[in-house]
Amino acid sequence: MPALIEEGRAKVNLSLRVVGRRTDGYHDLESVVAFADCADRLTLEPGEELKLTTAGPLAAACGDTADNLVLKAARLLTEAVPNLKLGAFALDKVLPVAAGIGGGSADAAAALRLLARLNNLSLDDPRLQEVALATGADVPVCLLSRACDMTGVGEQLLPLMLPSMPSVMVNPRVPVATKDVFQALGLRNGELLVGATDVLEAPAWPEEGASTADWVDVLATVANDLEAPAMRIEPVIGDVLDSLRACAGVKLARMSGSGATCFAIFGGPAEAHAAAETIRHDHPTWWVHAGTLS
């Protein structure tokens, strides 16, 4: 059987509200999630042995393959689905790690999609959904790999129709651990950050056919609640945001996820590409991608 290929697209949190911390220690969130046109590539060669090899410009940042979420997802699915067909995964890594854009989660989700194809499983199979959430909070939305309003701990997904928005993504090549950012947020078990009034006054997301400007107007009224604690851990995030906000044509700039990747939405692709070139020139060590979010 020929090798199967899937892309793990970068996830971008256009907004991220922390509703509170549950008594079990997990955080309830609400986030508008988009996906970028940059991605890792994962290949599956069907075979008897489950294994993973990594290559690509950022392969060295993946760490020990034994701890990779691709293998974690595959092993969990093996426990859930009897006689699961497996094989050898090969990951071409181009997305930064520990970057707030779900690189590892996108790779794990790509692995689950590949195994689903190999084993004739529907993506709606509840076992696949359970394994995705058990692998990581961002894996369910990455499994779907389309724009969603994500709530709960990541398991509740409401698909959204986003326009194709010109954007620039920037990572200063500084890893930020999600657990450290939530710890810096400082919520106790059972503590709410968002009250009933905030929920009632939450914005309604634009409907299908809305323009980029419509979305920017609404997104500007919410924020990423993890931005401030992440900046206390890595102040360079503030430098990235300043660089994006100084660019001509920028409509909105903020941090994605728990950082350190930040993004900006622009009025048109020419402005986005010009901004990316300026930032690359001024900060040659930073990872910069100009493209679209949708």
Protein backbone atom coordinates (compact mmCIF):
# COMPACT_ATOMS: atom_id res chain seq x y z
CA MET A 1 0.00 0.00 0.00
CA PRO A 2 1.40 3.46 -0.88
CA ALA A 3 2.36 5.91 1.82
CA LEU A 4 -0.38 8.21 3.16
CA ILE A 5 0.23 11.92 3.67
CA GLU A 6 -1.49 14.54 5.84
CA GLU A 7 -0.68 18.15 6.74
CA GLY A 8 -0.68 19.46 10.30
CA ARG A 9 -1.72 23.08 9.80
CA ALA A 10 -0.75 25.72 12.33
CA LYS A 11 -3.57 26.70 14.69
CA VAL A 12 -4.02 30.38 15.59
CA ASN A 13 -6.16 31.61 18.48
CA LEU A 14 -7.77 34.80 17.17
CA SER A 15 -9.24 35.27 20.65
CA LEU A 16 -8.78 33.37 23.90
CA ARG A 17 -10.84 33.93 27.02
CA VAL A 18 -10.09 31.94 30.14
CA VAL A 19 -13.49 31.34 31.73
CA GLY A 20 -12.04 29.82 34.88
CA ARG A 21 -10.21 26.92 36.44
CA ARG A 22 -12.21 23.82 37.22
CA THR A 23 -11.97 21.90 40.46
CA ASP A 24 -9.99 19.18 38.63
CA GLY A 25 -7.32 21.75 37.72
CA TYR A 26 -8.18 22.07 34.03
CA HIS A 27 -9.05 25.48 32.58
CA ASP A 28 -12.30 26.21 30.73
CA LEU A 29 -11.70 28.38 27.68
CA GLU A 30 -13.51 30.09 24.85
CA SER A 31 -11.43 30.68 21.75
CA VAL A 32 -11.99 31.54 18.12
CA VAL A 33 -9.51 29.29 16.34
CA ALA A 34 -8.35 29.75 12.75
CA PHE A 35 -5.86 27.74 10.73
CA ALA A 36 -2.91 29.04 8.75
CA ASP A 37 -1.57 28.08 5.35
CA CYS A 38 1.70 26.83 6.86
CA ALA A 39 1.95 23.25 8.07
CA ASP A 40 4.07 20.30 9.10
CA ARG A 41 3.82 17.26 6.82
CA LEU A 42 3.30 13.77 8.20
CA THR A 43 3.68 10.59 6.16
CA LEU A 44 2.56 7.11 7.19
CA GLU A 45 4.11 4.02 5.61
CA PRO A 46 1.85 1.08 6.58
CA GLY A 47 3.70 -1.71 8.37
CA GLU A 48 3.92 -3.87 11.46
CA GLU A 49 6.08 -1.56 13.59
CA LEU A 50 4.96 1.77 15.05
CA LYS A 51 7.81 4.28 14.81
CA LEU A 52 8.55 7.92 14.06
CA THR A 53 11.39 9.71 12.30
CA THR A 54 11.73 13.48 12.07
CA ALA A 55 13.34 15.71 9.46
CA GLY A 56 12.99 19.29 8.28
CA PRO A 57 14.34 22.67 9.37
CA LEU A 58 12.98 22.46 12.93
CA ALA A 59 13.33 18.71 13.53
CA ALA A 60 16.01 19.24 16.19
CA ALA A 61 13.51 21.14 18.33
CA CYS A 62 11.17 18.14 18.53
CA GLY A 63 13.19 16.50 21.30
CA ASP A 64 13.03 12.79 22.05
CA THR A 65 10.73 11.08 19.53
CA ALA A 66 9.53 8.74 22.30
CA ASP A 67 7.74 11.73 23.85
CA ASN A 68 6.26 13.00 20.58
CA LEU A 69 2.49 13.48 20.48
CA VAL A 70 2.31 11.58 17.19
CA LEU A 71 3.31 8.38 18.99
CA LYS A 72 1.19 9.20 22.02
CA ALA A 73 -1.91 9.57 19.84
CA ALA A 74 -1.15 6.37 17.93
CA ARG A 75 -0.63 4.37 21.13
CA LEU A 76 -3.84 5.66 22.66
CA LEU A 77 -5.75 4.76 19.52
CA THR A 78 -4.23 1.28 19.61
CA GLU A 79 -5.71 0.84 23.09
CA ALA A 80 -9.12 2.08 21.92
CA VAL A 81 -9.40 0.21 18.59
CA PRO A 82 -8.68 -3.53 18.51
CA ASN A 83 -6.35 -4.80 15.76
CA LEU A 84 -5.47 -1.27 14.64
CA LYS A 85 -3.21 -1.18 11.57
CA LEU A 86 -0.09 0.89 12.21
CA GLY A 87 3.13 1.82 10.44
CA ALA A 88 6.11 4.14 10.28
CA PHE A 89 5.50 7.87 10.57
CA ALA A 90 7.86 10.44 9.04
CA LEU A 91 7.46 14.05 10.19
CA ASP A 92 8.73 17.00 8.16
CA LYS A 93 8.88 19.68 10.86
CA VAL A 94 8.62 23.32 9.79
CA LEU A 95 6.49 24.85 12.57
CA PRO A 96 8.10 26.16 15.78
CA VAL A 97 7.56 24.06 18.90
CA ALA A 98 6.12 25.28 22.22
CA ALA A 99 4.94 28.26 20.21
CA GLY A 100 1.22 28.65 20.86
CA ILE A 101 0.22 27.50 17.36
CA GLY A 102 -0.49 23.86 18.18
CA GLY A 103 2.39 22.39 16.19
CA GLY A 104 2.58 19.19 18.23
CA SER A 105 -1.20 18.99 18.46
CA ALA A 106 -1.52 19.44 14.69
CA ASP A 107 1.00 16.63 14.16
CA ALA A 108 -0.92 14.34 16.53
CA ALA A 109 -4.17 15.19 14.76
CA ALA A 110 -2.57 14.43 11.40
CA ALA A 111 -1.47 11.06 12.78
CA LEU A 112 -5.04 10.29 13.86
CA ARG A 113 -6.38 11.25 10.43
CA LEU A 114 -3.78 9.00 8.78
CA LEU A 115 -4.64 6.06 11.02
CA ALA A 116 -8.33 6.68 10.42
CA ARG A 117 -7.74 6.49 6.66
CA LEU A 118 -5.63 3.35 7.01
CA ASN A 119 -8.25 1.64 9.18
CA ASN A 120 -11.40 2.96 7.47
CA LEU A 121 -12.48 4.88 10.57
CA SER A 122 -14.78 7.88 10.35
CA LEU A 123 -13.47 11.11 11.84
CA ASP A 124 -16.75 11.16 13.77
CA ASP A 125 -15.86 7.86 15.46
CA PRO A 126 -16.21 8.58 19.21
CA ARG A 127 -13.05 6.58 19.92
CA LEU A 128 -11.09 8.94 17.69
CA GLN A 129 -12.59 11.97 19.42
CA GLU A 130 -11.80 10.56 22.88
CA VAL A 131 -8.21 9.78 21.91
CA ALA A 132 -7.78 13.28 20.45
CA LEU A 133 -8.80 14.94 23.73
CA ALA A 134 -6.73 12.50 25.79
CA THR A 135 -3.69 13.39 23.67
CA GLY A 136 -4.03 17.13 24.26
CA ALA A 137 -6.55 19.96 24.60
CA ASP A 138 -5.81 21.39 21.13
CA VAL A 139 -5.89 18.04 19.31
CA PRO A 140 -9.70 17.89 18.78
CA VAL A 141 -9.80 21.23 16.94
CA CYS A 142 -6.65 20.30 15.00
CA LEU A 143 -8.28 17.00 14.06
CA LEU A 144 -11.08 19.00 12.44
CA SER A 145 -8.52 21.52 11.09
CA ARG A 146 -11.05 24.22 10.32
CA ALA A 147 -12.13 27.46 11.95
CA CYS A 148 -14.14 26.91 15.13
CA ASP A 149 -15.40 28.51 18.29
CA MET A 150 -13.71 26.19 20.81
CA THR A 151 -15.05 25.95 24.37
CA GLY A 152 -14.72 23.77 27.45
CA VAL A 153 -11.23 22.32 27.74
CA GLY A 154 -11.10 22.07 23.94
CA GLU A 155 -13.69 19.38 23.30
CA GLN A 156 -16.67 21.56 22.31
CA LEU A 157 -16.34 22.80 18.74
CA LEU A 158 -18.69 25.04 16.79
CA PRO A 159 -17.55 25.43 13.15
CA LEU A 160 -17.27 29.02 11.89
CA MET A 161 -17.09 30.45 8.38
CA LEU A 162 -14.08 32.77 8.28
CA PRO A 163 -12.96 34.74 5.25
CA SER A 164 -9.40 34.25 4.02
CA MET A 165 -7.57 36.89 6.07
CA PRO A 166 -4.12 38.18 5.01
CA SER A 167 -1.77 37.71 7.95
CA VAL A 168 1.74 37.57 9.29
CA MET A 169 2.84 35.14 12.01
CA VAL A 170 6.02 35.78 14.00
CA ASN A 171 7.81 33.64 16.56
CA PRO A 172 10.97 34.96 18.27
CA ARG A 173 12.29 31.36 18.53
CA VAL A 174 11.77 31.35 22.28
CA PRO A 175 9.80 28.33 23.52
CA VAL A 176 7.09 29.03 26.10
CA ALA A 177 5.62 26.17 28.13
CA THR A 178 1.82 26.31 28.33
CA LYS A 179 1.81 25.07 31.93
CA ASP A 180 4.08 27.95 32.96
CA VAL A 181 1.73 30.52 31.43
CA PHE A 182 -1.34 29.08 33.15
CA GLN A 183 0.61 28.99 36.39
CA ALA A 184 1.47 32.67 35.93
CA LEU A 185 -2.21 33.40 35.32
CA GLY A 186 -2.62 32.27 38.91
CA LEU A 187 -6.18 30.92 39.08
CA ARG A 188 -7.02 28.59 41.97
CA ASN A 189 -9.04 25.41 41.48
CA GLY A 190 -12.70 26.38 41.18
CA GLU A 191 -11.94 30.08 40.55
CA LEU A 192 -13.78 31.91 37.75
CA LEU A 193 -12.15 34.62 35.69
CA VAL A 194 -15.29 35.34 33.65
CA GLY A 195 -18.52 36.15 35.47
CA ALA A 196 -22.13 35.65 34.40
CA THR A 197 -22.33 39.24 33.13
CA ASP A 198 -19.31 38.66 30.87
CA VAL A 199 -20.95 35.55 29.40
CA LEU A 200 -24.19 37.40 28.71
CA GLU A 201 -22.31 40.25 27.05
CA ALA A 202 -20.06 38.00 24.95
CA PRO A 203 -19.90 39.11 21.31
CA ALA A 204 -21.82 37.27 18.60
CA TRP A 205 -19.41 36.08 15.92
CA PRO A 206 -20.08 37.26 12.36
CA GLU A 207 -22.09 34.99 10.10
CA GLU A 208 -21.06 33.34 6.84
CA GLY A 209 -20.10 35.90 4.21
CA ALA A 210 -18.73 38.45 6.69
CA SER A 211 -15.63 40.34 5.60
CA THR A 212 -12.23 40.48 7.23
CA ALA A 213 -13.13 43.97 8.47
CA ASP A 214 -16.29 42.61 10.09
CA TRP A 215 -14.27 39.97 11.93
CA VAL A 216 -11.58 42.44 13.00
CA ASP A 217 -14.22 44.74 14.47
CA VAL A 218 -15.62 41.96 16.66
CA LEU A 219 -12.27 40.39 17.57
CA ALA A 220 -11.02 43.80 18.72
CA THR A 221 -13.61 43.68 21.53
CA VAL A 222 -12.12 40.52 23.05
CA ALA A 223 -8.56 39.55 23.87
CA ASN A 224 -6.14 36.75 24.70
CA ASP A 225 -6.20 36.41 28.48
CA LEU A 226 -2.86 34.55 28.38
CA GLU A 227 -0.99 37.41 26.70
CA ALA A 228 -0.13 39.31 29.89
CA PRO A 229 1.15 36.30 31.90
CA ALA A 230 3.11 35.06 28.87
CA MET A 231 4.78 38.46 28.51
CA ARG A 232 5.83 38.34 32.15
CA ILE A 233 7.59 35.05 31.41
CA GLU A 234 9.07 36.14 28.05
CA PRO A 235 9.07 39.94 27.57
CA VAL A 236 10.25 39.47 23.97
CA ILE A 237 6.59 38.77 23.14
CA GLY A 238 5.99 42.48 23.67
CA ASP A 239 8.75 43.25 21.17
CA VAL A 240 7.10 40.98 18.60
CA LEU A 241 3.73 42.69 19.10
CA ASP A 242 5.34 46.13 18.83
CA SER A 243 6.99 45.11 15.54
CA LEU A 244 3.71 43.86 14.10
CA ARG A 245 1.70 46.87 15.25
CA ALA A 246 4.23 49.26 13.69
CA CYS A 247 3.67 47.79 10.21
CA ALA A 248 1.61 49.64 7.60
CA GLY A 249 -1.85 48.25 7.01
CA VAL A 250 -2.14 46.24 10.22
CA LYS A 251 -5.71 45.83 11.45
CA LEU A 252 -5.23 43.63 14.54
CA ALA A 253 -2.21 42.12 16.28
CA ARG A 254 -2.06 39.81 19.29
CA MET A 255 -0.51 36.66 20.69
CA SER A 256 -1.76 33.18 19.78
CA GLY A 257 -2.43 30.54 22.42
CA SER A 258 0.08 30.65 25.25
CA GLY A 259 2.77 32.20 23.04
CA ALA A 260 5.28 33.14 21.99
CA THR A 261 3.94 33.26 18.42
CA CYS A 262 2.04 36.44 17.58
CA PHE A 263 0.00 37.26 14.50
CA ALA A 264 -1.34 40.29 12.70
CA ILE A 265 -4.24 40.62 10.28
CA PHE A 266 -3.78 43.02 7.38
CA GLY A 267 -6.04 44.75 4.91
CA GLY A 268 -4.49 42.98 1.93
CA PRO A 269 -1.83 40.40 0.97
CA ALA A 270 0.63 42.99 -0.36
CA GLU A 271 0.68 44.75 3.00
CA ALA A 272 1.16 41.43 4.80
CA HIS A 273 4.09 40.41 2.61
CA ALA A 274 5.71 43.85 2.94
CA ALA A 275 5.38 43.66 6.72
CA ALA A 276 6.94 40.20 6.78
CA GLU A 277 9.91 41.39 4.74
CA THR A 278 10.43 44.34 7.09
CA ILE A 279 10.33 42.13 10.19
CA ARG A 280 12.69 39.56 8.63
CA HIS A 281 15.13 42.36 7.83
CA ASP A 282 14.93 43.88 11.31
CA HIS A 283 14.94 40.54 13.18
CA PRO A 284 16.73 37.92 11.06
CA THR A 285 16.65 35.28 13.83
CA TRP A 286 12.85 35.33 14.17
CA TRP A 287 10.55 32.84 12.40
CA VAL A 288 8.23 34.80 10.10
CA HIS A 289 5.42 33.58 7.85
CA ALA A 290 3.22 35.69 5.59
CA GLY A 291 0.06 34.04 4.30
CA THR A 292 -3.59 33.67 5.22
CA LEU A 293 -5.74 32.60 8.14
CA SER A 294 -9.11 30.99 7.52
